[in-house]
């Protein structure tokens, strides 16, 4: 891991992350919102932050910018997109994904 804070990465392994993703077209218009939750399996430069989905255990890949993962306040968090409630997650993050011109749906 060259660009990743190794100590923070080690501390995040096994922790629960809730993530929100907003997909935007080239003009900045929101196309889709997704929510995901899972336990951190591994973190590296090649794959980023890899979660085991809380829904089906499938691997989910998030960006490796660890400073963007903020501690979550204790409580119940409901992911509306999948009617799933997660109690006391460890980290929250949100991401905007900008599609390149010509890649719009």
N, C-alpha and C. Protein backbone atom coordinates (compact mmCIF):
# COMPACT_ATOMS: atom_id res chain seq x y z
N UNK A 1 0.84 -1.18 0.00
CA UNK A 1 0.00 0.00 0.00
C UNK A 1 0.88 1.23 0.00
N UNK A 2 0.92 1.90 -1.08
CA UNK A 2 1.79 3.06 -1.15
C UNK A 2 1.08 4.35 -0.76
N UNK A 3 -0.12 4.61 -1.31
CA UNK A 3 -0.80 5.87 -1.04
C UNK A 3 -1.80 5.80 0.08
N UNK A 4 -1.90 4.68 0.75
CA UNK A 4 -2.92 4.47 1.77
C UNK A 4 -2.27 4.47 3.15
N UNK A 5 -2.93 5.14 4.11
CA UNK A 5 -2.46 5.16 5.49
C UNK A 5 -2.63 3.74 6.05
N UNK A 6 -1.52 3.05 6.21
CA UNK A 6 -1.56 1.63 6.63
C UNK A 6 -2.23 1.43 7.99
N UNK A 7 -1.93 2.32 8.93
CA UNK A 7 -2.50 2.18 10.27
C UNK A 7 -4.02 2.33 10.22
N UNK A 8 -4.51 3.32 9.49
CA UNK A 8 -5.97 3.50 9.39
C UNK A 8 -6.59 2.33 8.64
N UNK A 9 -5.93 1.85 7.60
CA UNK A 9 -6.45 0.70 6.85
C UNK A 9 -6.59 -0.52 7.75
N UNK A 10 -5.56 -0.80 8.54
CA UNK A 10 -5.63 -1.95 9.46
C UNK A 10 -6.77 -1.78 10.46
N UNK A 11 -6.96 -0.55 10.95
CA UNK A 11 -8.01 -0.29 11.95
C UNK A 11 -9.41 -0.43 11.35
N UNK A 12 -9.53 -0.28 10.03
CA UNK A 12 -10.84 -0.37 9.38
C UNK A 12 -11.26 -1.79 9.03
N UNK A 13 -10.30 -2.72 9.00
CA UNK A 13 -10.63 -4.11 8.63
C UNK A 13 -11.66 -4.67 9.62
N UNK A 14 -12.72 -5.26 9.06
CA UNK A 14 -13.77 -5.85 9.88
C UNK A 14 -14.84 -4.87 10.33
N UNK A 15 -14.63 -3.59 10.10
CA UNK A 15 -15.60 -2.58 10.51
C UNK A 15 -16.72 -2.46 9.48
N UNK A 16 -17.86 -1.91 9.92
CA UNK A 16 -19.02 -1.74 9.05
C UNK A 16 -19.02 -0.34 8.44
N UNK A 17 -19.22 -0.31 7.13
CA UNK A 17 -19.27 0.95 6.38
C UNK A 17 -20.62 1.06 5.70
N UNK A 18 -21.23 2.25 5.79
CA UNK A 18 -22.42 2.58 5.00
C UNK A 18 -21.98 3.61 3.97
N UNK A 19 -22.34 3.36 2.72
CA UNK A 19 -21.90 4.25 1.63
C UNK A 19 -23.09 4.66 0.78
N UNK A 20 -23.07 5.91 0.35
CA UNK A 20 -24.05 6.42 -0.59
C UNK A 20 -23.31 6.84 -1.85
N UNK A 21 -23.84 6.44 -3.00
CA UNK A 21 -23.22 6.76 -4.29
C UNK A 21 -24.26 7.51 -5.13
N UNK A 22 -23.86 8.66 -5.67
CA UNK A 22 -24.70 9.41 -6.60
C UNK A 22 -24.00 9.42 -7.94
N UNK A 23 -24.68 8.93 -8.96
CA UNK A 23 -24.13 8.89 -10.32
C UNK A 23 -24.65 10.09 -11.08
N UNK A 24 -23.74 10.87 -11.66
CA UNK A 24 -24.07 12.11 -12.35
C UNK A 24 -23.68 12.04 -13.81
N UNK A 25 -24.49 12.66 -14.67
CA UNK A 25 -24.11 12.71 -16.08
C UNK A 25 -23.06 13.79 -16.29
N UNK A 26 -22.61 13.97 -17.51
CA UNK A 26 -21.52 14.91 -17.81
C UNK A 26 -21.89 16.35 -17.46
N UNK A 27 -23.20 16.65 -17.40
CA UNK A 27 -23.65 17.99 -17.05
C UNK A 27 -23.89 18.16 -15.55
N UNK A 28 -23.68 17.10 -14.78
CA UNK A 28 -23.85 17.18 -13.34
C UNK A 28 -25.25 16.84 -12.84
N UNK A 29 -26.10 16.33 -13.71
CA UNK A 29 -27.45 15.93 -13.31
C UNK A 29 -27.43 14.54 -12.69
N UNK A 30 -28.13 14.40 -11.56
CA UNK A 30 -28.17 13.11 -10.88
C UNK A 30 -28.95 12.10 -11.72
N UNK A 31 -28.34 10.96 -11.96
CA UNK A 31 -28.97 9.89 -12.73
C UNK A 31 -29.51 8.79 -11.81
N UNK A 32 -28.76 8.51 -10.75
CA UNK A 32 -29.11 7.38 -9.89
C UNK A 32 -28.45 7.55 -8.52
N UNK A 33 -29.12 7.06 -7.50
CA UNK A 33 -28.57 7.04 -6.15
C UNK A 33 -28.55 5.58 -5.70
N UNK A 34 -27.45 5.17 -5.12
CA UNK A 34 -27.33 3.81 -4.58
C UNK A 34 -26.82 3.89 -3.16
N UNK A 35 -27.27 2.95 -2.35
CA UNK A 35 -26.76 2.82 -0.99
C UNK A 35 -26.22 1.41 -0.83
N UNK A 36 -25.19 1.28 -0.03
CA UNK A 36 -24.61 -0.03 0.23
C UNK A 36 -24.05 -0.07 1.64
N UNK A 37 -23.94 -1.27 2.15
CA UNK A 37 -23.39 -1.48 3.49
C UNK A 37 -22.63 -2.79 3.49
N UNK A 38 -21.59 -2.83 4.31
CA UNK A 38 -20.85 -4.08 4.42
C UNK A 38 -19.68 -3.95 5.38
N UNK A 39 -19.03 -5.08 5.59
CA UNK A 39 -17.86 -5.15 6.46
C UNK A 39 -16.61 -5.08 5.59
N UNK A 40 -15.62 -4.33 6.06
CA UNK A 40 -14.38 -4.17 5.31
C UNK A 40 -13.59 -5.47 5.33
N UNK A 41 -13.32 -6.01 4.14
CA UNK A 41 -12.52 -7.23 3.99
C UNK A 41 -11.04 -6.91 3.85
N UNK A 42 -10.75 -5.92 3.00
CA UNK A 42 -9.36 -5.55 2.73
C UNK A 42 -9.32 -4.16 2.12
N UNK A 43 -8.15 -3.56 2.20
CA UNK A 43 -7.92 -2.24 1.63
C UNK A 43 -6.56 -2.27 0.97
N UNK A 44 -6.52 -1.90 -0.31
CA UNK A 44 -5.23 -1.84 -0.99
C UNK A 44 -5.32 -0.84 -2.15
N UNK A 45 -4.15 -0.51 -2.70
CA UNK A 45 -4.09 0.47 -3.80
C UNK A 45 -4.80 -0.01 -5.05
N UNK A 46 -4.78 -1.30 -5.32
CA UNK A 46 -5.37 -1.82 -6.56
C UNK A 46 -6.89 -1.88 -6.53
N UNK A 47 -7.45 -2.33 -5.42
CA UNK A 47 -8.90 -2.54 -5.33
C UNK A 47 -9.63 -1.45 -4.56
N UNK A 48 -8.92 -0.69 -3.76
CA UNK A 48 -9.55 0.30 -2.90
C UNK A 48 -10.03 -0.36 -1.62
N UNK A 49 -11.18 0.10 -1.11
CA UNK A 49 -11.79 -0.47 0.08
C UNK A 49 -12.78 -1.52 -0.39
N UNK A 50 -12.56 -2.77 0.02
CA UNK A 50 -13.40 -3.88 -0.43
C UNK A 50 -14.28 -4.31 0.74
N UNK A 51 -15.60 -4.26 0.50
CA UNK A 51 -16.57 -4.65 1.51
C UNK A 51 -17.20 -5.99 1.15
N UNK A 52 -17.63 -6.73 2.16
CA UNK A 52 -18.52 -7.88 1.97
C UNK A 52 -19.92 -7.33 2.20
N UNK A 53 -20.74 -7.32 1.18
CA UNK A 53 -22.08 -6.76 1.24
C UNK A 53 -22.88 -7.32 2.41
N UNK A 54 -23.57 -6.43 3.13
CA UNK A 54 -24.44 -6.85 4.23
C UNK A 54 -25.67 -7.59 3.71
N UNK A 55 -25.95 -7.47 2.41
CA UNK A 55 -27.12 -8.11 1.82
C UNK A 55 -26.82 -9.54 1.41
N UNK A 56 -25.74 -9.73 0.63
CA UNK A 56 -25.49 -11.05 0.07
C UNK A 56 -24.04 -11.52 0.17
N UNK A 57 -23.19 -10.75 0.84
CA UNK A 57 -21.79 -11.14 1.00
C UNK A 57 -20.92 -10.88 -0.22
N UNK A 58 -21.53 -10.42 -1.32
CA UNK A 58 -20.78 -10.13 -2.53
C UNK A 58 -19.81 -8.98 -2.28
N UNK A 59 -18.67 -8.99 -2.96
CA UNK A 59 -17.68 -7.93 -2.76
C UNK A 59 -18.12 -6.64 -3.44
N UNK A 60 -17.98 -5.54 -2.69
CA UNK A 60 -18.28 -4.20 -3.17
C UNK A 60 -16.98 -3.40 -3.10
N UNK A 61 -16.75 -2.55 -4.08
CA UNK A 61 -15.49 -1.81 -4.17
C UNK A 61 -15.75 -0.32 -4.04
N UNK A 62 -15.05 0.32 -3.11
CA UNK A 62 -15.17 1.75 -2.88
C UNK A 62 -13.79 2.40 -3.02
N UNK A 63 -13.75 3.71 -3.24
CA UNK A 63 -12.46 4.40 -3.38
C UNK A 63 -11.61 4.30 -2.11
N UNK A 64 -10.28 4.32 -2.27
CA UNK A 64 -9.37 4.15 -1.15
C UNK A 64 -8.98 5.45 -0.44
N UNK A 65 -9.74 6.52 -0.60
CA UNK A 65 -9.45 7.78 0.06
C UNK A 65 -9.96 7.68 1.50
N UNK A 66 -9.14 7.19 2.40
CA UNK A 66 -9.58 6.83 3.75
C UNK A 66 -10.04 8.01 4.58
N UNK A 67 -9.54 9.21 4.31
CA UNK A 67 -9.98 10.39 5.05
C UNK A 67 -11.44 10.72 4.77
N UNK A 68 -11.99 10.15 3.72
CA UNK A 68 -13.38 10.40 3.34
C UNK A 68 -14.35 9.53 4.15
N UNK A 69 -13.85 8.54 4.87
CA UNK A 69 -14.67 7.66 5.70
C UNK A 69 -14.72 8.27 7.09
N UNK A 70 -15.92 8.75 7.48
CA UNK A 70 -16.05 9.44 8.75
C UNK A 70 -16.72 8.53 9.78
N UNK A 71 -16.33 8.67 11.05
CA UNK A 71 -16.97 7.85 12.09
C UNK A 71 -18.47 8.11 12.14
N UNK A 72 -19.24 7.06 12.30
CA UNK A 72 -20.69 7.17 12.38
C UNK A 72 -21.12 7.31 13.84
N UNK A 73 -22.13 8.13 14.07
CA UNK A 73 -22.71 8.23 15.40
C UNK A 73 -23.48 6.94 15.69
N UNK A 74 -23.52 6.50 16.92
CA UNK A 74 -24.28 5.29 17.25
C UNK A 74 -25.75 5.47 16.88
N UNK A 75 -26.39 4.37 16.51
CA UNK A 75 -27.81 4.41 16.19
C UNK A 75 -28.15 3.48 15.05
N UNK A 76 -29.42 3.51 14.68
CA UNK A 76 -29.92 2.70 13.57
C UNK A 76 -29.97 3.53 12.31
N UNK A 77 -29.44 3.00 11.22
CA UNK A 77 -29.41 3.65 9.92
C UNK A 77 -30.18 2.78 8.94
N UNK A 78 -31.19 3.36 8.31
CA UNK A 78 -31.99 2.61 7.35
C UNK A 78 -31.56 2.98 5.94
N UNK A 79 -31.19 1.99 5.16
CA UNK A 79 -30.86 2.20 3.75
C UNK A 79 -32.18 2.04 2.99
N UNK A 80 -32.74 3.17 2.59
CA UNK A 80 -34.06 3.17 1.97
C UNK A 80 -34.11 2.37 0.69
N UNK A 81 -33.03 2.37 -0.05
CA UNK A 81 -33.04 1.70 -1.35
C UNK A 81 -33.18 0.18 -1.23
N UNK A 82 -32.93 -0.36 -0.05
CA UNK A 82 -33.03 -1.81 0.10
C UNK A 82 -33.76 -2.22 1.37
N UNK A 83 -34.42 -1.26 2.04
CA UNK A 83 -35.17 -1.54 3.26
C UNK A 83 -34.35 -2.36 4.26
N UNK A 84 -33.11 -1.93 4.46
CA UNK A 84 -32.19 -2.61 5.37
C UNK A 84 -31.80 -1.64 6.47
N UNK A 85 -31.84 -2.07 7.71
CA UNK A 85 -31.41 -1.24 8.82
C UNK A 85 -30.13 -1.82 9.41
N UNK A 86 -29.14 -0.95 9.57
CA UNK A 86 -27.85 -1.32 10.15
C UNK A 86 -27.72 -0.58 11.48
N UNK A 87 -27.44 -1.30 12.53
CA UNK A 87 -27.28 -0.68 13.85
C UNK A 87 -25.80 -0.43 14.14
N UNK A 88 -25.53 0.76 14.60
CA UNK A 88 -24.19 1.17 15.05
C UNK A 88 -23.07 0.87 14.06
N UNK A 89 -23.18 1.38 12.82
CA UNK A 89 -22.06 1.20 11.89
C UNK A 89 -20.84 1.97 12.38
N UNK A 90 -19.70 1.64 11.82
CA UNK A 90 -18.46 2.30 12.23
C UNK A 90 -18.15 3.54 11.40
N UNK A 91 -18.41 3.47 10.08
CA UNK A 91 -18.05 4.56 9.19
C UNK A 91 -19.17 4.87 8.20
N UNK A 92 -19.22 6.14 7.79
CA UNK A 92 -20.12 6.60 6.74
C UNK A 92 -19.29 7.25 5.64
N UNK A 93 -19.77 7.17 4.41
CA UNK A 93 -19.12 7.89 3.31
C UNK A 93 -20.14 8.10 2.20
N UNK A 94 -19.93 9.16 1.44
CA UNK A 94 -20.75 9.42 0.25
C UNK A 94 -19.80 9.77 -0.89
N UNK A 95 -20.21 9.40 -2.08
CA UNK A 95 -19.38 9.62 -3.26
C UNK A 95 -20.25 10.11 -4.42
N UNK A 96 -19.72 11.03 -5.20
CA UNK A 96 -20.33 11.44 -6.47
C UNK A 96 -19.50 10.83 -7.58
N UNK A 97 -20.15 10.09 -8.47
CA UNK A 97 -19.48 9.46 -9.60
C UNK A 97 -19.90 10.21 -10.85
N UNK A 98 -18.94 10.88 -11.48
CA UNK A 98 -19.20 11.68 -12.67
C UNK A 98 -18.91 10.86 -13.91
N UNK A 99 -19.92 10.68 -14.73
CA UNK A 99 -19.73 9.95 -16.00
C UNK A 99 -19.07 10.87 -17.01
N UNK A 100 -18.15 10.33 -17.78
CA UNK A 100 -17.47 11.12 -18.81
C UNK A 100 -18.44 11.41 -19.95
N UNK A 101 -18.26 12.52 -20.65
CA UNK A 101 -19.12 12.81 -21.80
C UNK A 101 -19.10 11.63 -22.78
N UNK A 102 -20.27 11.29 -23.28
CA UNK A 102 -20.38 10.16 -24.20
C UNK A 102 -20.69 8.86 -23.49
N UNK A 103 -20.56 8.83 -22.15
CA UNK A 103 -20.88 7.62 -21.39
C UNK A 103 -22.23 7.72 -20.71
N UNK A 104 -22.96 8.79 -20.98
CA UNK A 104 -24.29 8.94 -20.40
C UNK A 104 -25.20 7.84 -20.92
N UNK A 105 -26.16 7.43 -20.11
CA UNK A 105 -27.08 6.38 -20.56
C UNK A 105 -27.99 6.86 -21.69
